[in-house]
Amino acid sequence: MLDTYTSPWMTEDLAIFKDAASKFMQAEFVPLAEKWHKQGMVDRDAWTKAGEAGLLLTSIPEEYGGGGGDYRHEAIMTEEQTRLGIGGWGQSVHSL
């Protein structure tokens, strides 16, 4: 039921970002989440891949090395991590 809800602040560009972020996390993070939980940390390679995919520092201005987005990009990342059950990789802390 919640998958059919569309937030009032969702735009077409944000929906594209959400889809890309979700697909990336499903492919790269979900299969490794249990391993990371057991070892108590996320592999460095995951951070590198997330950065290359534009999923780190999404709300930081581009002139400072960020993605140039806003709080909605961070909200999408948090929502998708929670939906996929992989909220422990630390992106929200990293991107503060």
PDB file of N, CA and C in Angstrom:
ATOM      1  N   MET A   1       0.815  -1.193   0.000  1.00  0.00           N
ATOM      2  CA  MET A   1       0.000   0.000   0.000  1.00  0.00           C
ATOM      3  C   MET A   1       0.863   1.264   0.000  1.00  0.00           C
ATOM      4  N   LEU A   2       1.910   1.295   0.801  1.00  0.00           N
ATOM      5  CA  LEU A   2       2.748   2.485   0.856  1.00  0.00           C
ATOM      6  C   LEU A   2       3.499   2.726  -0.448  1.00  0.00           C
ATOM      7  N   ASP A   3       3.733   1.676  -1.230  1.00  0.00           N
ATOM      8  CA  ASP A   3       4.438   1.847  -2.496  1.00  0.00           C
ATOM      9  C   ASP A   3       3.643   2.669  -3.503  1.00  0.00           C
ATOM     10  N   THR A   4       2.344   2.812  -3.298  1.00  0.00           N
ATOM     11  CA  THR A   4       1.520   3.583  -4.223  1.00  0.00           C
ATOM     12  C   THR A   4       1.440   5.055  -3.839  1.00  0.00           C
ATOM     13  N   TYR A   5       1.916   5.408  -2.654  1.00  0.00           N
ATOM     14  CA  TYR A   5       1.869   6.792  -2.191  1.00  0.00           C
ATOM     15  C   TYR A   5       2.957   7.607  -2.889  1.00  0.00           C
ATOM     16  N   THR A   6       2.600   8.794  -3.350  1.00  0.00           N
ATOM     17  CA  THR A   6       3.562   9.723  -3.922  1.00  0.00           C
ATOM     18  C   THR A   6       3.565  10.985  -3.084  1.00  0.00           C
ATOM     19  N   SER A   7       4.717  11.329  -2.566  1.00  0.00           N
ATOM     20  CA  SER A   7       4.853  12.514  -1.734  1.00  0.00           C
ATOM     21  C   SER A   7       4.513  13.771  -2.535  1.00  0.00           C
ATOM     22  N   PRO A   8       3.922  14.772  -1.895  1.00  0.00           N
ATOM     23  CA  PRO A   8       3.576  16.000  -2.621  1.00  0.00           C
ATOM     24  C   PRO A   8       4.796  16.770  -3.131  1.00  0.00           C
ATOM     25  N   TRP A   9       5.972  16.510  -2.580  1.00  0.00           N
ATOM     26  CA  TRP A   9       7.172  17.209  -3.046  1.00  0.00           C
ATOM     27  C   TRP A   9       7.936  16.439  -4.126  1.00  0.00           C
ATOM     28  N   MET A  10       7.431  15.272  -4.513  1.00  0.00           N
ATOM     29  CA  MET A  10       8.117  14.459  -5.524  1.00  0.00           C
ATOM     30  C   MET A  10       7.935  15.080  -6.915  1.00  0.00           C
ATOM     31  N   THR A  11       9.046  15.275  -7.593  1.00  0.00           N
ATOM     32  CA  THR A  11       9.035  15.780  -8.967  1.00  0.00           C
ATOM     33  C   THR A  11       9.497  14.657  -9.899  1.00  0.00           C
ATOM     34  N   GLU A  12       9.414  14.894 -11.186  1.00  0.00           N
ATOM     35  CA  GLU A  12       9.877  13.887 -12.141  1.00  0.00           C
ATOM     36  C   GLU A  12      11.371  13.614 -11.967  1.00  0.00           C
ATOM     37  N   ASP A  13      12.161  14.679 -11.785  1.00  0.00           N
ATOM     38  CA  ASP A  13      13.603  14.499 -11.586  1.00  0.00           C
ATOM     39  C   ASP A  13      13.898  13.708 -10.317  1.00  0.00           C
ATOM     40  N   LEU A  14      13.161  14.001  -9.247  1.00  0.00           N
ATOM     41  CA  LEU A  14      13.363  13.270  -7.997  1.00  0.00           C
ATOM     42  C   LEU A  14      12.930  11.815  -8.125  1.00  0.00           C
ATOM     43  N   ALA A  15      11.877  11.561  -8.889  1.00  0.00           N
ATOM     44  CA  ALA A  15      11.429  10.182  -9.112  1.00  0.00           C
ATOM     45  C   ALA A  15      12.501   9.391  -9.865  1.00  0.00           C
ATOM     46  N   ILE A  16      13.164  10.034 -10.808  1.00  0.00           N
ATOM     47  CA  ILE A  16      14.260   9.388 -11.542  1.00  0.00           C
ATOM     48  C   ILE A  16      15.412   9.090 -10.586  1.00  0.00           C
ATOM     49  N   PHE A  17      15.744  10.058  -9.727  1.00  0.00           N
ATOM     50  CA  PHE A  17      16.793   9.859  -8.724  1.00  0.00           C
ATOM     51  C   PHE A  17      16.422   8.707  -7.788  1.00  0.00           C
ATOM     52  N   LYS A  18      15.177   8.688  -7.334  1.00  0.00           N
ATOM     53  CA  LYS A  18      14.715   7.633  -6.428  1.00  0.00           C
ATOM     54  C   LYS A  18      14.839   6.264  -7.079  1.00  0.00           C
ATOM     55  N   ASP A  19      14.424   6.152  -8.318  1.00  0.00           N
ATOM     56  CA  ASP A  19      14.499   4.880  -9.031  1.00  0.00           C
ATOM     57  C   ASP A  19      15.951   4.422  -9.173  1.00  0.00           C
ATOM     58  N   ALA A  20      16.829   5.344  -9.539  1.00  0.00           N
ATOM     59  CA  ALA A  20      18.246   5.002  -9.699  1.00  0.00           C
ATOM     60  C   ALA A  20      18.867   4.594  -8.369  1.00  0.00           C
ATOM     61  N   ALA A  21      18.561   5.340  -7.307  1.00  0.00           N
ATOM     62  CA  ALA A  21      19.098   5.015  -5.985  1.00  0.00           C
ATOM     63  C   ALA A  21      18.608   3.654  -5.520  1.00  0.00           C
ATOM     64  N   SER A  22      17.333   3.391  -5.709  1.00  0.00           N
ATOM     65  CA  SER A  22      16.758   2.115  -5.289  1.00  0.00           C
ATOM     66  C   SER A  22      17.385   0.950  -6.049  1.00  0.00           C
ATOM     67  N   LYS A  23      17.512   1.088  -7.354  1.00  0.00           N
ATOM     68  CA  LYS A  23      18.113   0.016  -8.159  1.00  0.00           C
ATOM     69  C   LYS A  23      19.565  -0.222  -7.760  1.00  0.00           C
ATOM     70  N   PHE A  24      20.294   0.862  -7.511  1.00  0.00           N
ATOM     71  CA  PHE A  24      21.686   0.729  -7.085  1.00  0.00           C
ATOM     72  C   PHE A  24      21.766  -0.022  -5.759  1.00  0.00           C
ATOM     73  N   MET A  25      20.978   0.400  -4.784  1.00  0.00           N
ATOM     74  CA  MET A  25      21.030  -0.236  -3.466  1.00  0.00           C
ATOM     75  C   MET A  25      20.579  -1.691  -3.519  1.00  0.00           C
ATOM     76  N   GLN A  26      19.576  -1.983  -4.335  1.00  0.00           N
ATOM     77  CA  GLN A  26      19.126  -3.373  -4.476  1.00  0.00           C
ATOM     78  C   GLN A  26      20.231  -4.249  -5.061  1.00  0.00           C
ATOM     79  N   ALA A  27      20.957  -3.717  -6.021  1.00  0.00           N
ATOM     80  CA  ALA A  27      22.002  -4.497  -6.684  1.00  0.00           C
ATOM     81  C   ALA A  27      23.292  -4.576  -5.873  1.00  0.00           C
ATOM     82  N   GLU A  28      23.686  -3.462  -5.256  1.00  0.00           N
ATOM     83  CA  GLU A  28      24.999  -3.377  -4.623  1.00  0.00           C
ATOM     84  C   GLU A  28      25.000  -3.569  -3.109  1.00  0.00           C
ATOM     85  N   PHE A  29      23.906  -3.229  -2.439  1.00  0.00           N
ATOM     86  CA  PHE A  29      23.918  -3.228  -0.976  1.00  0.00           C
ATOM     87  C   PHE A  29      23.102  -4.350  -0.353  1.00  0.00           C
ATOM     88  N   VAL A  30      21.915  -4.580  -0.869  1.00  0.00           N
ATOM     89  CA  VAL A  30      21.043  -5.598  -0.266  1.00  0.00           C
ATOM     90  C   VAL A  30      21.743  -6.958  -0.183  1.00  0.00           C
ATOM     91  N   PRO A  31      22.420  -7.416  -1.244  1.00  0.00           N
ATOM     92  CA  PRO A  31      23.064  -8.727  -1.152  1.00  0.00           C
ATOM     93  C   PRO A  31      24.172  -8.806  -0.092  1.00  0.00           C
ATOM     94  N   LEU A  32      24.743  -7.667   0.292  1.00  0.00           N
ATOM     95  CA  LEU A  32      25.858  -7.646   1.238  1.00  0.00           C
ATOM     96  C   LEU A  32      25.467  -7.193   2.637  1.00  0.00           C
ATOM     97  N   ALA A  33      24.229  -6.801   2.841  1.00  0.00           N
ATOM     98  CA  ALA A  33      23.803  -6.217   4.115  1.00  0.00           C
ATOM     99  C   ALA A  33      24.047  -7.147   5.296  1.00  0.00           C
ATOM    100  N   GLU A  34      23.755  -8.418   5.157  1.00  0.00           N
ATOM    101  CA  GLU A  34      23.962  -9.359   6.265  1.00  0.00           C
ATOM    102  C   GLU A  34      25.450  -9.491   6.593  1.00  0.00           C
ATOM    103  N   LYS A  35      26.285  -9.557   5.574  1.00  0.00           N
ATOM    104  CA  LYS A  35      27.742  -9.624   5.779  1.00  0.00           C
ATOM    105  C   LYS A  35      28.228  -8.403   6.546  1.00  0.00           C
ATOM    106  N   TRP A  36      27.784  -7.226   6.130  1.00  0.00           N
ATOM    107  CA  TRP A  36      28.202  -5.993   6.789  1.00  0.00           C
ATOM    108  C   TRP A  36      27.743  -5.961   8.239  1.00  0.00           C
ATOM    109  N   HIS A  37      26.541  -6.437   8.468  1.00  0.00           N
ATOM    110  CA  HIS A  37      26.019  -6.472   9.838  1.00  0.00           C
ATOM    111  C   HIS A  37      26.903  -7.363  10.711  1.00  0.00           C
ATOM    112  N   LYS A  38      27.272  -8.519  10.196  1.00  0.00           N
ATOM    113  CA  LYS A  38      28.103  -9.459  10.960  1.00  0.00           C
ATOM    114  C   LYS A  38      29.504  -8.915  11.209  1.00  0.00           C
ATOM    115  N   GLN A  39      30.084  -8.239  10.218  1.00  0.00           N
ATOM    116  CA  GLN A  39      31.442  -7.730  10.398  1.00  0.00           C
ATOM    117  C   GLN A  39      31.469  -6.371  11.098  1.00  0.00           C
ATOM    118  N   GLY A  40      30.308  -5.767  11.290  1.00  0.00           N
ATOM    119  CA  GLY A  40      30.217  -4.510  12.030  1.00  0.00           C
ATOM    120  C   GLY A  40      30.621  -3.278  11.248  1.00  0.00           C
ATOM    121  N   MET A  41      30.765  -3.409   9.950  1.00  0.00           N
ATOM    122  CA  MET A  41      31.107  -2.252   9.118  1.00  0.00           C
ATOM    123  C   MET A  41      30.798  -2.554   7.657  1.00  0.00           C
ATOM    124  N   VAL A  42      30.664  -1.493   6.917  1.00  0.00           N
ATOM    125  CA  VAL A  42      30.422  -1.582   5.480  1.00  0.00           C
ATOM    126  C   VAL A  42      31.774  -1.602   4.772  1.00  0.00           C
ATOM    127  N   ASP A  43      31.895  -2.418   3.747  1.00  0.00           N
ATOM    128  CA  ASP A  43      33.142  -2.473   2.982  1.00  0.00           C
ATOM    129  C   ASP A  43      33.423  -1.130   2.304  1.00  0.00           C
ATOM    130  N   ARG A  44      34.686  -0.756   2.247  1.00  0.00           N
ATOM    131  CA  ARG A  44      35.092   0.511   1.624  1.00  0.00           C
ATOM    132  C   ARG A  44      34.615   0.601   0.175  1.00  0.00           C
ATOM    133  N   ASP A  45      34.632  -0.509  -0.519  1.00  0.00           N
ATOM    134  CA  ASP A  45      34.208  -0.550  -1.914  1.00  0.00           C
ATOM    135  C   ASP A  45      32.768  -0.050  -2.083  1.00  0.00           C
ATOM    136  N   ALA A  46      31.930  -0.305  -1.096  1.00  0.00           N
ATOM    137  CA  ALA A  46      30.534   0.151  -1.167  1.00  0.00           C
ATOM    138  C   ALA A  46      30.471   1.674  -1.184  1.00  0.00           C
ATOM    139  N   TRP A  47      31.304   2.307  -0.366  1.00  0.00           N
ATOM    140  CA  TRP A  47      31.345   3.770  -0.329  1.00  0.00           C
ATOM    141  C   TRP A  47      31.826   4.323  -1.669  1.00  0.00           C
ATOM    142  N   THR A  48      32.841   3.689  -2.234  1.00  0.00           N
ATOM    143  CA  THR A  48      33.370   4.131  -3.523  1.00  0.00           C
ATOM    144  C   THR A  48      32.304   4.042  -4.604  1.00  0.00           C
ATOM    145  N   LYS A  49      31.617   2.909  -4.649  1.00  0.00           N
ATOM    146  CA  LYS A  49      30.565   2.726  -5.652  1.00  0.00           C
ATOM    147  C   LYS A  49      29.419   3.713  -5.446  1.00  0.00           C
ATOM    148  N   ALA A  50      29.035   3.947  -4.197  1.00  0.00           N
ATOM    149  CA  ALA A  50      27.956   4.902  -3.919  1.00  0.00           C
ATOM    150  C   ALA A  50      28.357   6.306  -4.358  1.00  0.00           C
ATOM    151  N   GLY A  51      29.600   6.673  -4.108  1.00  0.00           N
ATOM    152  CA  GLY A  51      30.086   7.978  -4.549  1.00  0.00           C
ATOM    153  C   GLY A  51      30.089   8.112  -6.061  1.00  0.00           C
ATOM    154  N   GLU A  52      30.553   7.076  -6.735  1.00  0.00           N
ATOM    155  CA  GLU A  52      30.569   7.087  -8.200  1.00  0.00           C
ATOM    156  C   GLU A  52      29.162   7.175  -8.778  1.00  0.00           C
ATOM    157  N   ALA A  53      28.187   6.625  -8.049  1.00  0.00           N
ATOM    158  CA  ALA A  53      26.790   6.659  -8.499  1.00  0.00           C
ATOM    159  C   ALA A  53      26.097   7.968  -8.126  1.00  0.00           C
ATOM    160  N   GLY A  54      26.804   8.872  -7.444  1.00  0.00           N
ATOM    161  CA  GLY A  54      26.219  10.152  -7.063  1.00  0.00           C
ATOM    162  C   GLY A  54      25.275  10.069  -5.879  1.00  0.00           C
ATOM    163  N   LEU A  55      25.485   9.081  -5.007  1.00  0.00           N
ATOM    164  CA  LEU A  55      24.574   8.876  -3.886  1.00  0.00           C
ATOM    165  C   LEU A  55      25.135   9.342  -2.547  1.00  0.00           C
ATOM    166  N   LEU A  56      26.263  10.021  -2.558  1.00  0.00           N
ATOM    167  CA  LEU A  56      26.819  10.592  -1.334  1.00  0.00           C
ATOM    168  C   LEU A  56      26.790  12.111  -1.445  1.00  0.00           C
ATOM    169  N   LEU A  57      26.594  12.766  -0.331  1.00  0.00           N
ATOM    170  CA  LEU A  57      26.588  14.238  -0.284  1.00  0.00           C
ATOM    171  C   LEU A  57      25.593  14.833  -1.270  1.00  0.00           C
ATOM    172  N   THR A  58      24.439  14.220  -1.368  1.00  0.00           N
ATOM    173  CA  THR A  58      23.462  14.626  -2.381  1.00  0.00           C
ATOM    174  C   THR A  58      22.924  16.031  -2.177  1.00  0.00           C
ATOM    175  N   SER A  59      22.931  16.530  -0.944  1.00  0.00           N
ATOM    176  CA  SER A  59      22.377  17.867  -0.699  1.00  0.00           C
ATOM    177  C   SER A  59      23.451  18.949  -0.569  1.00  0.00           C
ATOM    178  N   ILE A  60      24.692  18.601  -0.814  1.00  0.00           N
ATOM    179  CA  ILE A  60      25.792  19.565  -0.734  1.00  0.00           C
ATOM    180  C   ILE A  60      25.952  20.232  -2.107  1.00  0.00           C
ATOM    181  N   PRO A  61      26.164  21.553  -2.144  1.00  0.00           N
ATOM    182  CA  PRO A  61      26.333  22.238  -3.427  1.00  0.00           C
ATOM    183  C   PRO A  61      27.476  21.637  -4.256  1.00  0.00           C
ATOM    184  N   GLU A  62      27.305  21.645  -5.551  1.00  0.00           N
ATOM    185  CA  GLU A  62      28.301  21.070  -6.458  1.00  0.00           C
ATOM    186  C   GLU A  62      29.665  21.737  -6.322  1.00  0.00           C
ATOM    187  N   GLU A  63      29.691  23.040  -6.047  1.00  0.00           N
ATOM    188  CA  GLU A  63      30.980  23.733  -5.938  1.00  0.00           C
ATOM    189  C   GLU A  63      31.804  23.244  -4.751  1.00  0.00           C
ATOM    190  N   TYR A  64      31.173  22.501  -3.834  1.00  0.00           N
ATOM    191  CA  TYR A  64      31.882  21.919  -2.694  1.00  0.00           C
ATOM    192  C   TYR A  64      32.030  20.407  -2.838  1.00  0.00           C
ATOM    193  N   GLY A  65      31.791  19.894  -4.028  1.00  0.00           N
ATOM    194  CA  GLY A  65      31.969  18.474  -4.288  1.00  0.00           C
ATOM    195  C   GLY A  65      30.746  17.612  -4.068  1.00  0.00           C
ATOM    196  N   GLY A  66      29.610  18.230  -3.805  1.00  0.00           N
ATOM    197  CA  GLY A  66      28.386  17.471  -3.572  1.00  0.00           C
ATOM    198  C   GLY A  66      27.562  17.280  -4.826  1.00  0.00           C
ATOM    199  N   GLY A  67      26.383  16.751  -4.616  1.00  0.00           N
ATOM    200  CA  GLY A  67      25.499  16.447  -5.724  1.00  0.00           C
ATOM    201  C   GLY A  67      24.647  17.603  -6.193  1.00  0.00           C
ATOM    202  N   GLY A  68      24.583  18.678  -5.404  1.00  0.00           N
ATOM    203  CA  GLY A  68      23.819  19.847  -5.812  1.00  0.00           C
ATOM    204  C   GLY A  68      22.323  19.730  -5.585  1.00  0.00           C
ATOM    205  N   GLY A  69      21.909  18.722  -4.846  1.00  0.00           N
ATOM    206  CA  GLY A  69      20.485  18.546  -4.567  1.00  0.00           C
ATOM    207  C   GLY A  69      20.068  19.301  -3.318  1.00  0.00           C
ATOM    208  N   ASP A  70      19.032  18.802  -2.675  1.00  0.00           N
ATOM    209  CA  ASP A  70      18.552  19.422  -1.447  1.00  0.00           C
ATOM    210  C   ASP A  70      18.069  18.344  -0.483  1.00  0.00           C
ATOM    211  N   TYR A  71      17.353  18.771   0.559  1.00  0.00           N
ATOM    212  CA  TYR A  71      16.909  17.841   1.596  1.00  0.00           C
ATOM    213  C   TYR A  71      16.071  16.701   1.032  1.00  0.00           C
ATOM    214  N   ARG A  72      15.403  16.928  -0.089  1.00  0.00           N
ATOM    215  CA  ARG A  72      14.562  15.876  -0.669  1.00  0.00           C
ATOM    216  C   ARG A  72      15.405  14.699  -1.161  1.00  0.00           C
ATOM    217  N   HIS A  73      16.578  14.970  -1.668  1.00  0.00           N
ATOM    218  CA  HIS A  73      17.471  13.893  -2.096  1.00  0.00           C
ATOM    219  C   HIS A  73      17.896  13.053  -0.892  1.00  0.00           C
ATOM    220  N   GLU A  74      18.216  13.724   0.216  1.00  0.00           N
ATOM    221  CA  GLU A  74      18.575  12.999   1.442  1.00  0.00           C
ATOM    222  C   GLU A  74      17.381  12.196   1.957  1.00  0.00           C
ATOM    223  N   ALA A  75      16.188  12.779   1.886  1.00  0.00           N
ATOM    224  CA  ALA A  75      14.983  12.068   2.334  1.00  0.00           C
ATOM    225  C   ALA A  75      14.746  10.822   1.490  1.00  0.00           C
ATOM    226  N   ILE A  76      14.940  10.937   0.198  1.00  0.00           N
ATOM    227  CA  ILE A  76      14.780   9.783  -0.693  1.00  0.00           C
ATOM    228  C   ILE A  76      15.777   8.693  -0.326  1.00  0.00           C
ATOM    229  N   MET A  77      17.020   9.061  -0.083  1.00  0.00           N
ATOM    230  CA  MET A  77      18.024   8.067   0.293  1.00  0.00           C
ATOM    231  C   MET A  77      17.620   7.347   1.577  1.00  0.00           C
ATOM    232  N   THR A  78      17.174   8.102   2.568  1.00  0.00           N
ATOM    233  CA  THR A  78      16.767   7.496   3.836  1.00  0.00           C
ATOM    234  C   THR A  78      15.548   6.608   3.656  1.00  0.00           C
ATOM    235  N   GLU A  79      14.570   7.070   2.903  1.00  0.00           N
ATOM    236  CA  GLU A  79      13.368   6.266   2.659  1.00  0.00           C
ATOM    237  C   GLU A  79      13.703   4.959   1.953  1.00  0.00           C
ATOM    238  N   GLU A  80      14.533   5.023   0.936  1.00  0.00           N
ATOM    239  CA  GLU A  80      14.864   3.817   0.176  1.00  0.00           C
ATOM    240  C   GLU A  80      15.687   2.838   1.011  1.00  0.00           C
ATOM    241  N   GLN A  81      16.620   3.349   1.803  1.00  0.00           N
ATOM    242  CA  GLN A  81      17.392   2.474   2.686  1.00  0.00           C
ATOM    243  C   GLN A  81      16.476   1.756   3.668  1.00  0.00           C
ATOM    244  N   THR A  82      15.553   2.499   4.228  1.00  0.00           N
ATOM    245  CA  THR A  82      14.620   1.919   5.192  1.00  0.00           C
ATOM    246  C   THR A  82      13.718   0.902   4.514  1.00  0.00           C
ATOM    247  N   ARG A  83      13.204   1.240   3.358  1.00  0.00           N
ATOM    248  CA  ARG A  83      12.324   0.333   2.628  1.00  0.00           C
ATOM    249  C   ARG A  83      13.030  -0.977   2.295  1.00  0.00           C
ATOM    250  N   LEU A  84      14.316  -0.900   1.981  1.00  0.00           N
ATOM    251  CA  LEU A  84      15.085  -2.084   1.616  1.00  0.00           C
ATOM    252  C   LEU A  84      15.705  -2.794   2.821  1.00  0.00           C
ATOM    253  N   GLY A  85      15.567  -2.200   4.003  1.00  0.00           N
ATOM    254  CA  GLY A  85      16.107  -2.819   5.214  1.00  0.00           C
ATOM    255  C   GLY A  85      17.612  -2.729   5.338  1.00  0.00           C
ATOM    256  N   ILE A  86      18.203  -1.682   4.782  1.00  0.00           N
ATOM    257  CA  ILE A  86      19.662  -1.523   4.819  1.00  0.00           C
ATOM    258  C   ILE A  86      20.056  -0.181   5.420  1.00  0.00           C
ATOM    259  N   GLY A  87      19.367   0.268   6.420  1.00  0.00           N
ATOM    260  CA  GLY A  87      19.591   1.591   6.985  1.00  0.00           C
ATOM    261  C   GLY A  87      20.885   1.769   7.741  1.00  0.00           C
ATOM    262  N   GLY A  88      21.675   0.736   7.926  1.00  0.00           N
ATOM    263  CA  GLY A  88      22.857   0.837   8.764  1.00  0.00           C
ATOM    264  C   GLY A  88      24.157   1.159   8.068  1.00  0.00           C
ATOM    265  N   TRP A  89      24.142   1.532   6.809  1.00  0.00           N
ATOM    266  CA  TRP A  89      25.426   1.763   6.139  1.00  0.00           C
ATOM    267  C   TRP A  89      25.979   3.154   6.365  1.00  0.00           C
ATOM    268  N   GLY A  90      25.236   4.054   6.988  1.00  0.00           N
ATOM    269  CA  GLY A  90      25.780   5.319   7.454  1.00  0.00           C
ATOM    270  C   GLY A  90      25.732   6.490   6.502  1.00  0.00           C
ATOM    271  N   GLN A  91      25.034   6.386   5.406  1.00  0.00           N
ATOM    272  CA  GLN A  91      24.984   7.478   4.436  1.00  0.00           C
ATOM    273  C   GLN A  91      24.448   8.747   5.056  1.00  0.00           C
ATOM    274  N   SER A  92      23.446   8.641   5.901  1.00  0.00           N
ATOM    275  CA  SER A  92      22.847   9.854   6.471  1.00  0.00           C
ATOM    276  C   SER A  92      23.833  10.586   7.369  1.00  0.00           C
ATOM    277  N   VAL A  93      24.661   9.867   8.094  1.00  0.00           N
ATOM    278  CA  VAL A  93      25.680  10.499   8.934  1.00  0.00           C
ATOM    279  C   VAL A  93      26.784  11.072   8.056  1.00  0.00           C
ATOM    280  N   HIS A  94      27.184  10.335   7.054  1.00  0.00           N
ATOM    281  CA  HIS A  94      28.244  10.773   6.149  1.00  0.00           C
ATOM    282  C   HIS A  94      27.893  12.076   5.457  1.00  0.00           C
ATOM    283  N   SER A  95      26.639  12.238   5.083  1.00  0.00           N
ATOM    284  CA  SER A  95      26.233  13.368   4.254  1.00  0.00           C
ATOM    285  C   SER A  95      25.778  14.588   5.046  1.00  0.00           C
ATOM    286  N   LEU A  96      25.978  14.596   6.355  1.00  0.00           N
ATOM    287  CA  LEU A  96      25.587  15.766   7.147  1.00  0.00           C
ATOM    288  C   LEU A  96      26.475  16.942   6.875  1.00  0.00           C
TER     289      LEU A  96
END
